[in-house]
Every structure is written in C-alpha cells, then in structure tokens.
PDB file of N, CA and C in Angstrom:
ATOM      1  N   UNK A   1      55.868  82.271 102.295  1.00  0.00           N
ATOM      2  CA  UNK A   1      55.542  81.509 101.133  1.00  0.00           C
ATOM      3  C   UNK A   1      54.700  80.300 101.729  1.00  0.00           C
ATOM      4  N   UNK A   2      54.903  79.340 103.035  1.00  0.00           N
ATOM      5  CA  UNK A   2      54.765  78.392 102.920  1.00  0.00           C
ATOM      6  C   UNK A   2      53.077  78.106 103.791  1.00  0.00           C
ATOM      7  N   UNK A   3      52.353  78.844 103.867  1.00  0.00           N
ATOM      8  CA  UNK A   3      51.590  79.072 104.925  1.00  0.00           C
ATOM      9  C   UNK A   3      50.160  78.409 104.691  1.00  0.00           C
ATOM     10  N   UNK A   4      49.912  77.241 104.426  1.00  0.00           N
ATOM     11  CA  UNK A   4      48.669  76.180 103.887  1.00  0.00           C
ATOM     12  C   UNK A   4      48.103  75.562 104.990  1.00  0.00           C
ATOM     13  N   UNK A   5      46.965  75.647 104.892  1.00  0.00           N
ATOM     14  CA  UNK A   5      46.360  74.733 105.795  1.00  0.00           C
ATOM     15  C   UNK A   5      46.095  73.199 105.760  1.00  0.00           C
ATOM     16  N   UNK A   6      46.069  71.958 106.244  1.00  0.00           N
ATOM     17  CA  UNK A   6      46.482  70.878 105.635  1.00  0.00           C
ATOM     18  C   UNK A   6      45.487  70.505 104.545  1.00  0.00           C
ATOM     19  N   UNK A   7      44.264  71.121 104.498  1.00  0.00           N
ATOM     20  CA  UNK A   7      43.694  70.714 103.091  1.00  0.00           C
ATOM     21  C   UNK A   7      43.907  71.344 102.013  1.00  0.00           C
ATOM     22  N   UNK A   8      44.253  72.888 102.244  1.00  0.00           N
ATOM     23  CA  UNK A   8      45.059  73.658 101.239  1.00  0.00           C
ATOM     24  C   UNK A   8      46.250  72.456 100.364  1.00  0.00           C
ATOM     25  N   UNK A   9      47.159  72.413 101.359  1.00  0.00           N
ATOM     26  CA  UNK A   9      48.299  71.372 101.497  1.00  0.00           C
ATOM     27  C   UNK A   9      47.807  70.026 100.573  1.00  0.00           C
ATOM     28  N   UNK A  10      46.912  69.621 100.741  1.00  0.00           N
ATOM     29  CA  UNK A  10      46.465  67.703  99.974  1.00  0.00           C
ATOM     30  C   UNK A  10      46.251  68.485  99.389  1.00  0.00           C
ATOM     31  N   UNK A  11      45.696  69.399  98.595  1.00  0.00           N
ATOM     32  CA  UNK A  11      44.691  70.045  97.436  1.00  0.00           C
ATOM     33  C   UNK A  11      46.085  70.022  96.363  1.00  0.00           C
ATOM     34  N   UNK A  12      46.660  70.734  96.915  1.00  0.00           N
ATOM     35  CA  UNK A  12      47.947  71.787  95.848  1.00  0.00           C
ATOM     36  C   UNK A  12      48.868  70.213  95.789  1.00  0.00           C
ATOM     37  N   UNK A  13      49.084  69.834  96.693  1.00  0.00           N
ATOM     38  CA  UNK A  13      50.126  68.251  96.931  1.00  0.00           C
ATOM     39  C   UNK A  13      49.244  67.139  95.438  1.00  0.00           C
ATOM     40  N   UNK A  14      48.621  66.779  95.536  1.00  0.00           N
ATOM     41  CA  UNK A  14      47.077  66.154  94.311  1.00  0.00           C
ATOM     42  C   UNK A  14      47.388  67.115  92.591  1.00  0.00           C
ATOM     43  N   UNK A  15      47.106  68.232  93.316  1.00  0.00           N
ATOM     44  CA  UNK A  15      46.815  68.996  91.640  1.00  0.00           C
ATOM     45  C   UNK A  15      48.302  69.353  91.305  1.00  0.00           C
ATOM     46  N   UNK A  16      49.035  69.347  91.715  1.00  0.00           N
ATOM     47  CA  UNK A  16      50.739  69.914  91.167  1.00  0.00           C
ATOM     48  C   UNK A  16      51.229  68.941  91.024  1.00  0.00           C
ATOM     49  N   UNK A  17      50.455  67.244  91.222  1.00  0.00           N
ATOM     50  CA  UNK A  17      51.511  65.937  90.942  1.00  0.00           C
ATOM     51  C   UNK A  17      52.672  65.974  91.196  1.00  0.00           C
ATOM     52  N   UNK A  18      53.070  66.416  92.909  1.00  0.00           N
ATOM     53  CA  UNK A  18      54.574  66.617  93.318  1.00  0.00           C
ATOM     54  C   UNK A  18      54.900  65.074  93.575  1.00  0.00           C
ATOM     55  N   UNK A  19      56.190  64.990  93.025  1.00  0.00           N
ATOM     56  CA  UNK A  19      56.513  63.749  92.983  1.00  0.00           C
ATOM     57  C   UNK A  19      57.113  63.350  94.675  1.00  0.00           C
ATOM     58  N   UNK A  20      57.770  62.152  95.315  1.00  0.00           N
ATOM     59  CA  UNK A  20      57.933  61.771  96.671  1.00  0.00           C
ATOM     60  C   UNK A  20      58.947  62.933  97.083  1.00  0.00           C
ATOM     61  N   UNK A  21      59.845  63.573  96.706  1.00  0.00           N
ATOM     62  CA  UNK A  21      60.846  63.943  97.265  1.00  0.00           C
ATOM     63  C   UNK A  21      60.369  65.352  97.444  1.00  0.00           C
ATOM     64  N   UNK A  22      59.661  66.270  96.048  1.00  0.00           N
ATOM     65  CA  UNK A  22      58.878  67.845  96.341  1.00  0.00           C
ATOM     66  C   UNK A  22      58.193  67.811  97.445  1.00  0.00           C
ATOM     67  N   UNK A  23      57.104  66.213  97.585  1.00  0.00           N
ATOM     68  CA  UNK A  23      55.906  66.506  98.632  1.00  0.00           C
ATOM     69  C   UNK A  23      56.789  66.356 100.087  1.00  0.00           C
ATOM     70  N   UNK A  24      58.242  66.140 100.110  1.00  0.00           N
ATOM     71  CA  UNK A  24      58.976  65.616 101.756  1.00  0.00           C
ATOM     72  C   UNK A  24      59.258  67.555 101.450  1.00  0.00           C
ATOM     73  N   UNK A  25      59.450  67.787 100.518  1.00  0.00           N
ATOM     74  CA  UNK A  25      60.878  69.331 100.639  1.00  0.00           C
ATOM     75  C   UNK A  25      58.796  70.338 101.210  1.00  0.00           C
ATOM     76  N   UNK A  26      58.002  69.412 100.892  1.00  0.00           N
ATOM     77  CA  UNK A  26      56.790  71.241 100.945  1.00  0.00           C
ATOM     78  C   UNK A  26      56.421  70.882 102.172  1.00  0.00           C
ATOM     79  N   UNK A  27      56.049  69.102 102.791  1.00  0.00           N
ATOM     80  CA  UNK A  27      55.372  69.055 104.014  1.00  0.00           C
ATOM     81  C   UNK A  27      56.848  69.281 104.926  1.00  0.00           C
ATOM     82  N   UNK A  28      57.925  69.124 104.633  1.00  0.00           N
ATOM     83  CA  UNK A  28      59.251  70.188 105.625  1.00  0.00           C
ATOM     84  C   UNK A  28      59.071  71.714 105.691  1.00  0.00           C
ATOM     85  N   UNK A  29      58.581  72.456 104.576  1.00  0.00           N
ATOM     86  CA  UNK A  29      58.752  73.716 104.781  1.00  0.00           C
ATOM     87  C   UNK A  29      57.615  74.565 105.600  1.00  0.00           C
ATOM     88  N   UNK A  30      56.379  73.946 105.673  1.00  0.00           N
ATOM     89  CA  UNK A  30      55.509  73.942 106.106  1.00  0.00           C
ATOM     90  C   UNK A  30      55.283  73.604 107.570  1.00  0.00           C
ATOM     91  N   UNK A  31      55.848  72.814 107.768  1.00  0.00           N
ATOM     92  CA  UNK A  31      56.553  72.507 109.596  1.00  0.00           C
ATOM     93  C   UNK A  31      57.434  73.333 109.752  1.00  0.00           C
ATOM     94  N   UNK A  32      58.186  74.284 109.292  1.00  0.00           N
ATOM     95  CA  UNK A  32      58.763  75.643 109.407  1.00  0.00           C
ATOM     96  C   UNK A  32      60.820  74.644 109.105  1.00  0.00           C
ATOM     97  N   UNK A  33      60.961  73.725 108.911  1.00  0.00           N
ATOM     98  CA  UNK A  33      61.877  73.708 108.781  1.00  0.00           C
ATOM     99  C   UNK A  33      63.202  74.307 107.671  1.00  0.00           C
ATOM    100  N   UNK A  34      64.101  74.800 108.010  1.00  0.00           N
ATOM    101  CA  UNK A  34      64.635  75.471 107.401  1.00  0.00           C
ATOM    102  C   UNK A  34      65.274  74.740 106.057  1.00  0.00           C
ATOM    103  N   UNK A  35      65.969  75.904 105.163  1.00  0.00           N
ATOM    104  CA  UNK A  35      66.067  74.780 103.724  1.00  0.00           C
ATOM    105  C   UNK A  35      67.537  74.229 103.997  1.00  0.00           C
ATOM    106  N   UNK A  36      68.748  74.394 104.875  1.00  0.00           N
ATOM    107  CA  UNK A  36      69.679  73.780 105.376  1.00  0.00           C
ATOM    108  C   UNK A  36      69.138  72.447 105.758  1.00  0.00           C
ATOM    109  N   UNK A  37      68.357  72.636 106.758  1.00  0.00           N
ATOM    110  CA  UNK A  37      68.168  71.189 107.201  1.00  0.00           C
ATOM    111  C   UNK A  37      67.700  70.756 106.908  1.00  0.00           C
ATOM    112  N   UNK A  38      66.761  70.783 105.909  1.00  0.00           N
ATOM    113  CA  UNK A  38      66.072  69.803 104.882  1.00  0.00           C
ATOM    114  C   UNK A  38      66.631  69.291 103.787  1.00  0.00           C
ATOM    115  N   UNK A  39      67.683  70.715 103.246  1.00  0.00           N
ATOM    116  CA  UNK A  39      69.096  69.784 102.131  1.00  0.00           C
ATOM    117  C   UNK A  39      69.737  68.539 102.997  1.00  0.00           C
ATOM    118  N   UNK A  40      69.919  68.552 104.556  1.00  0.00           N
ATOM    119  CA  UNK A  40      70.925  67.448 105.180  1.00  0.00           C
ATOM    120  C   UNK A  40      69.648  66.764 105.543  1.00  0.00           C
ATOM    121  N   UNK A  41      68.400  66.254 105.369  1.00  0.00           N
ATOM    122  CA  UNK A  41      68.079  65.369 105.679  1.00  0.00           C
ATOM    123  C   UNK A  41      67.564  64.483 104.405  1.00  0.00           C
ATOM    124  N   UNK A  42      67.342  65.499 103.273  1.00  0.00           N
ATOM    125  CA  UNK A  42      67.330  64.675 102.337  1.00  0.00           C
ATOM    126  C   UNK A  42      68.197  64.327 101.379  1.00  0.00           C
ATOM    127  N   UNK A  43      69.523  64.933 101.793  1.00  0.00           N
ATOM    128  CA  UNK A  43      71.125  64.472 101.307  1.00  0.00           C
ATOM    129  C   UNK A  43      71.121  64.903 100.301  1.00  0.00           C
ATOM    130  N   UNK A  44      70.765  66.802 100.088  1.00  0.00           N
ATOM    131  CA  UNK A  44      70.601  67.271  98.677  1.00  0.00           C
ATOM    132  C   UNK A  44      71.980  68.370  99.043  1.00  0.00           C
ATOM    133  N   UNK A  45      72.200  68.784  97.891  1.00  0.00           N
ATOM    134  CA  UNK A  45      73.342  69.626  98.085  1.00  0.00           C
ATOM    135  C   UNK A  45      72.754  70.878  98.207  1.00  0.00           C
ATOM    136  N   UNK A  46      73.125  71.935  98.593  1.00  0.00           N
ATOM    137  CA  UNK A  46      72.417  73.306  98.610  1.00  0.00           C
ATOM    138  C   UNK A  46      71.886  74.078  97.225  1.00  0.00           C
ATOM    139  N   UNK A  47      72.366  74.027  96.132  1.00  0.00           N
ATOM    140  CA  UNK A  47      72.124  74.212  95.094  1.00  0.00           C
ATOM    141  C   UNK A  47      71.346  73.556  94.196  1.00  0.00           C
ATOM    142  N   UNK A  48      71.391  71.866  94.553  1.00  0.00           N
ATOM    143  CA  UNK A  48      70.164  70.939  94.310  1.00  0.00           C
ATOM    144  C   UNK A  48      68.959  71.208  95.073  1.00  0.00           C
ATOM    145  N   UNK A  49      69.046  71.398  96.255  1.00  0.00           N
ATOM    146  CA  UNK A  49      67.685  71.880  96.940  1.00  0.00           C
ATOM    147  C   UNK A  49      67.632  73.082  96.284  1.00  0.00           C
ATOM    148  N   UNK A  50      68.080  74.434  96.334  1.00  0.00           N
ATOM    149  CA  UNK A  50      67.505  75.343  95.662  1.00  0.00           C
ATOM    150  C   UNK A  50      66.859  75.050  94.281  1.00  0.00           C
ATOM    151  N   UNK A  51      67.539  74.198  93.429  1.00  0.00           N
ATOM    152  CA  UNK A  51      66.837  73.589  92.004  1.00  0.00           C
ATOM    153  C   UNK A  51      65.224  72.997  92.793  1.00  0.00           C
ATOM    154  N   UNK A  52      65.348  71.989  93.594  1.00  0.00           N
ATOM    155  CA  UNK A  52      63.945  71.412  93.721  1.00  0.00           C
ATOM    156  C   UNK A  52      63.500  72.726  94.463  1.00  0.00           C
ATOM    157  N   UNK A  53      63.498  73.600  94.933  1.00  0.00           N
ATOM    158  CA  UNK A  53      62.649  74.361  95.920  1.00  0.00           C
ATOM    159  C   UNK A  53      62.013  75.202  95.092  1.00  0.00           C
ATOM    160  N   UNK A  54      63.064  75.970  93.992  1.00  0.00           N
ATOM    161  CA  UNK A  54      61.686  76.875  92.603  1.00  0.00           C
ATOM    162  C   UNK A  54      61.085  76.461  91.550  1.00  0.00           C
ATOM    163  N   UNK A  55      61.517  74.599  91.371  1.00  0.00           N
ATOM    164  CA  UNK A  55      60.305  73.918  91.023  1.00  0.00           C
ATOM    165  C   UNK A  55      59.417  73.843  91.548  1.00  0.00           C
ATOM    166  N   UNK A  56      59.338  73.415  93.206  1.00  0.00           N
ATOM    167  CA  UNK A  56      58.278  73.449  93.792  1.00  0.00           C
ATOM    168  C   UNK A  56      56.921  74.568  94.192  1.00  0.00           C
ATOM    169  N   UNK A  57      58.127  75.670  94.165  1.00  0.00           N
ATOM    170  CA  UNK A  57      57.474  76.767  94.143  1.00  0.00           C
ATOM    171  C   UNK A  57      56.772  77.163  92.703  1.00  0.00           C
ATOM    172  N   UNK A  58      57.162  76.850  92.029  1.00  0.00           N
ATOM    173  CA  UNK A  58      56.330  77.196  90.045  1.00  0.00           C
ATOM    174  C   UNK A  58      55.544  76.337  90.412  1.00  0.00           C
ATOM    175  N   UNK A  59      55.697  74.595  91.168  1.00  0.00           N
ATOM    176  CA  UNK A  59      54.399  74.199  90.444  1.00  0.00           C
ATOM    177  C   UNK A  59      53.255  74.371  91.379  1.00  0.00           C
ATOM    178  N   UNK A  60      53.199  74.898  93.075  1.00  0.00           N
ATOM    179  CA  UNK A  60      52.155  75.631  93.289  1.00  0.00           C
ATOM    180  C   UNK A  60      51.924  76.754  92.802  1.00  0.00           C
ATOM    181  N   UNK A  61      52.625  77.925  92.097  1.00  0.00           N
ATOM    182  CA  UNK A  61      52.119  79.080  92.081  1.00  0.00           C
ATOM    183  C   UNK A  61      50.918  78.285  90.454  1.00  0.00           C
ATOM    184  N   UNK A  62      51.197  77.652  89.503  1.00  0.00           N
ATOM    185  CA  UNK A  62      50.728  76.863  89.158  1.00  0.00           C
ATOM    186  C   UNK A  62      48.771  76.268  89.057  1.00  0.00           C
ATOM    187  N   UNK A  63      48.900  76.611  90.357  1.00  0.00           N
ATOM    188  CA  UNK A  63      48.005  75.208  91.380  1.00  0.00           C
ATOM    189  C   UNK A  63      47.065  76.325  92.065  1.00  0.00           C
ATOM    190  N   UNK A  64      47.215  77.309  92.036  1.00  0.00           N
ATOM    191  CA  UNK A  64      46.477  78.321  93.164  1.00  0.00           C
ATOM    192  C   UNK A  64      46.021  79.342  92.282  1.00  0.00           C
TER     193      UNK A  64
END
C-alpha cells in the first residue's frame, strides 16, 4: 500500500493536506514500520491508530 517514491510522497503529503500526526504515520509506513511500532512510538492505542490509518488511506486515495 505504501510503496511511493520520495517525490510521490511529497506530492501526496502536500495535496492531501496531512496534519503532523498523519504525516508521521505516512512516513513511518513508507519506511516499513509495523502498525504496532508506529502506534507505540506515537503513543496511540491500537484502535486509535487503526482509525488514523483508515483516514490516511482515504486521503491518499483522493489524491492518486
């Protein structure tokens, strides 16, 4: 799902108007971090992380 080039990442980040939290999630997913690892590092519960990830995917789908 998150296999983008640096240019694609920057374009998506800009056009989707990602907030800081979603930008961090997006960047960490691109780097190959697991969902559990990201949730832990951002101090999010698994359920909250899942909601944020769904929102991120929606925003990405709108711009690609």
